[in-house]
Amino acid sequence: MKKVITWGGVAFLIFFVAMRPSAAANVVKSLAGGVMDVMSGFGDFASNLIA
């Protein structure tokens, strides 16, 4: 079952990128921005612990 879900997700990802490339790029950009915000928060936290 896990393999079916994994391959289904990969197939959907390829389909999404092929059919809606600008929407896919916006999703990736949003996710990357969120990850960068989280990492920035961890960096600020660590700096405040040291200072």
N, C-alpha and C. Protein backbone atom coordinates (compact mmCIF):
# COMPACT_ATOMS: atom_id res chain seq x y z
N MET A 1 0.83 -1.19 0.00
CA MET A 1 0.00 0.00 0.00
C MET A 1 0.87 1.26 0.00
N LYS A 2 1.97 1.21 0.76
CA LYS A 2 2.84 2.38 0.84
C LYS A 2 3.46 2.70 -0.52
N LYS A 3 3.82 1.66 -1.29
CA LYS A 3 4.39 1.88 -2.61
C LYS A 3 3.37 2.52 -3.55
N VAL A 4 2.13 2.10 -3.45
CA VAL A 4 1.07 2.66 -4.31
C VAL A 4 0.88 4.14 -4.02
N ILE A 5 0.87 4.50 -2.76
CA ILE A 5 0.70 5.91 -2.38
C ILE A 5 1.91 6.72 -2.83
N THR A 6 3.10 6.18 -2.65
CA THR A 6 4.32 6.88 -3.07
C THR A 6 4.32 7.12 -4.57
N TRP A 7 4.06 6.06 -5.36
CA TRP A 7 4.06 6.21 -6.82
C TRP A 7 2.92 7.10 -7.29
N GLY A 8 1.79 7.05 -6.60
CA GLY A 8 0.68 7.95 -6.94
C GLY A 8 1.06 9.40 -6.69
N GLY A 9 1.76 9.65 -5.61
CA GLY A 9 2.23 11.01 -5.31
C GLY A 9 3.23 11.51 -6.34
N VAL A 10 4.15 10.64 -6.74
CA VAL A 10 5.13 11.01 -7.76
C VAL A 10 4.43 11.31 -9.09
N ALA A 11 3.47 10.45 -9.45
CA ALA A 11 2.73 10.66 -10.70
C ALA A 11 1.95 11.97 -10.66
N PHE A 12 1.32 12.27 -9.53
CA PHE A 12 0.59 13.53 -9.39
C PHE A 12 1.54 14.72 -9.49
N LEU A 13 2.70 14.62 -8.88
CA LEU A 13 3.68 15.70 -8.93
C LEU A 13 4.12 15.97 -10.37
N ILE A 14 4.43 14.91 -11.10
CA ILE A 14 4.84 15.07 -12.50
C ILE A 14 3.70 15.68 -13.31
N PHE A 15 2.49 15.20 -13.11
CA PHE A 15 1.33 15.72 -13.82
C PHE A 15 1.12 17.20 -13.50
N PHE A 16 1.22 17.56 -12.22
CA PHE A 16 1.01 18.94 -11.79
C PHE A 16 2.04 19.88 -12.40
N VAL A 17 3.30 19.47 -12.40
CA VAL A 17 4.37 20.29 -12.98
C VAL A 17 4.18 20.41 -14.49
N ALA A 18 3.77 19.31 -15.15
CA ALA A 18 3.62 19.33 -16.60
C ALA A 18 2.42 20.17 -17.03
N MET A 19 1.33 20.10 -16.29
CA MET A 19 0.11 20.78 -16.70
C MET A 19 0.00 22.21 -16.19
N ARG A 20 0.55 22.48 -15.05
CA ARG A 20 0.48 23.82 -14.43
C ARG A 20 1.84 24.24 -13.89
N PRO A 21 2.79 24.51 -14.77
CA PRO A 21 4.15 24.81 -14.28
C PRO A 21 4.23 26.08 -13.43
N SER A 22 3.47 27.10 -13.76
CA SER A 22 3.56 28.33 -12.96
C SER A 22 2.94 28.12 -11.58
N ALA A 23 1.87 27.37 -11.50
CA ALA A 23 1.27 27.07 -10.19
C ALA A 23 2.20 26.21 -9.36
N ALA A 24 2.86 25.24 -10.01
CA ALA A 24 3.81 24.39 -9.29
C ALA A 24 4.98 25.21 -8.76
N ALA A 25 5.45 26.16 -9.57
CA ALA A 25 6.55 27.02 -9.13
C ALA A 25 6.13 27.87 -7.94
N ASN A 26 4.90 28.36 -7.95
CA ASN A 26 4.41 29.16 -6.82
C ASN A 26 4.31 28.33 -5.55
N VAL A 27 3.90 27.08 -5.67
CA VAL A 27 3.82 26.20 -4.50
C VAL A 27 5.21 25.97 -3.92
N VAL A 28 6.18 25.69 -4.79
CA VAL A 28 7.54 25.45 -4.31
C VAL A 28 8.11 26.72 -3.68
N LYS A 29 7.84 27.86 -4.30
CA LYS A 29 8.33 29.13 -3.75
C LYS A 29 7.73 29.39 -2.37
N SER A 30 6.46 29.11 -2.21
CA SER A 30 5.81 29.30 -0.91
C SER A 30 6.37 28.37 0.15
N LEU A 31 6.57 27.11 -0.23
CA LEU A 31 7.14 26.14 0.72
C LEU A 31 8.56 26.52 1.12
N ALA A 32 9.36 26.95 0.14
CA ALA A 32 10.73 27.35 0.43
C ALA A 32 10.75 28.57 1.34
N GLY A 33 9.85 29.51 1.10
CA GLY A 33 9.76 30.69 1.97
C GLY A 33 9.41 30.31 3.39
N GLY A 34 8.50 29.36 3.54
CA GLY A 34 8.12 28.90 4.88
C GLY A 34 9.28 28.23 5.60
N VAL A 35 10.02 27.40 4.87
CA VAL A 35 11.19 26.73 5.46
C VAL A 35 12.23 27.76 5.87
N MET A 36 12.45 28.76 5.04
CA MET A 36 13.42 29.80 5.38
C MET A 36 12.99 30.59 6.61
N ASP A 37 11.70 30.85 6.75
CA ASP A 37 11.20 31.54 7.94
C ASP A 37 11.44 30.72 9.20
N VAL A 38 11.20 29.42 9.11
CA VAL A 38 11.41 28.54 10.26
C VAL A 38 12.89 28.51 10.64
N MET A 39 13.76 28.37 9.64
CA MET A 39 15.20 28.33 9.92
C MET A 39 15.68 29.66 10.50
N SER A 40 15.15 30.75 10.02
CA SER A 40 15.50 32.06 10.57
C SER A 40 15.08 32.16 12.04
N GLY A 41 13.90 31.62 12.34
CA GLY A 41 13.44 31.61 13.73
C GLY A 41 14.35 30.79 14.63
N PHE A 42 14.79 29.62 14.15
CA PHE A 42 15.72 28.81 14.94
C PHE A 42 17.05 29.54 15.13
N GLY A 43 17.51 30.23 14.09
CA GLY A 43 18.75 30.99 14.21
C GLY A 43 18.63 32.11 15.23
N ASP A 44 17.50 32.82 15.20
CA ASP A 44 17.27 33.88 16.19
C ASP A 44 17.22 33.31 17.61
N PHE A 45 16.56 32.17 17.75
CA PHE A 45 16.48 31.52 19.05
C PHE A 45 17.86 31.16 19.58
N ALA A 46 18.67 30.55 18.73
CA ALA A 46 20.01 30.15 19.14
C ALA A 46 20.87 31.39 19.47
N SER A 47 20.73 32.44 18.70
CA SER A 47 21.48 33.67 19.00
C SER A 47 21.09 34.25 20.34
N ASN A 48 19.80 34.21 20.65
CA ASN A 48 19.35 34.75 21.92
C ASN A 48 19.77 33.88 23.10
N LEU A 49 19.95 32.58 22.87
CA LEU A 49 20.44 31.72 23.94
C LEU A 49 21.89 32.03 24.28
N ILE A 50 22.68 32.31 23.25
CA ILE A 50 24.10 32.57 23.45
C ILE A 50 24.36 33.95 24.03
N ALA A 51 23.60 34.92 23.57
CA ALA A 51 23.83 36.32 23.98
C ALA A 51 23.36 36.61 25.37
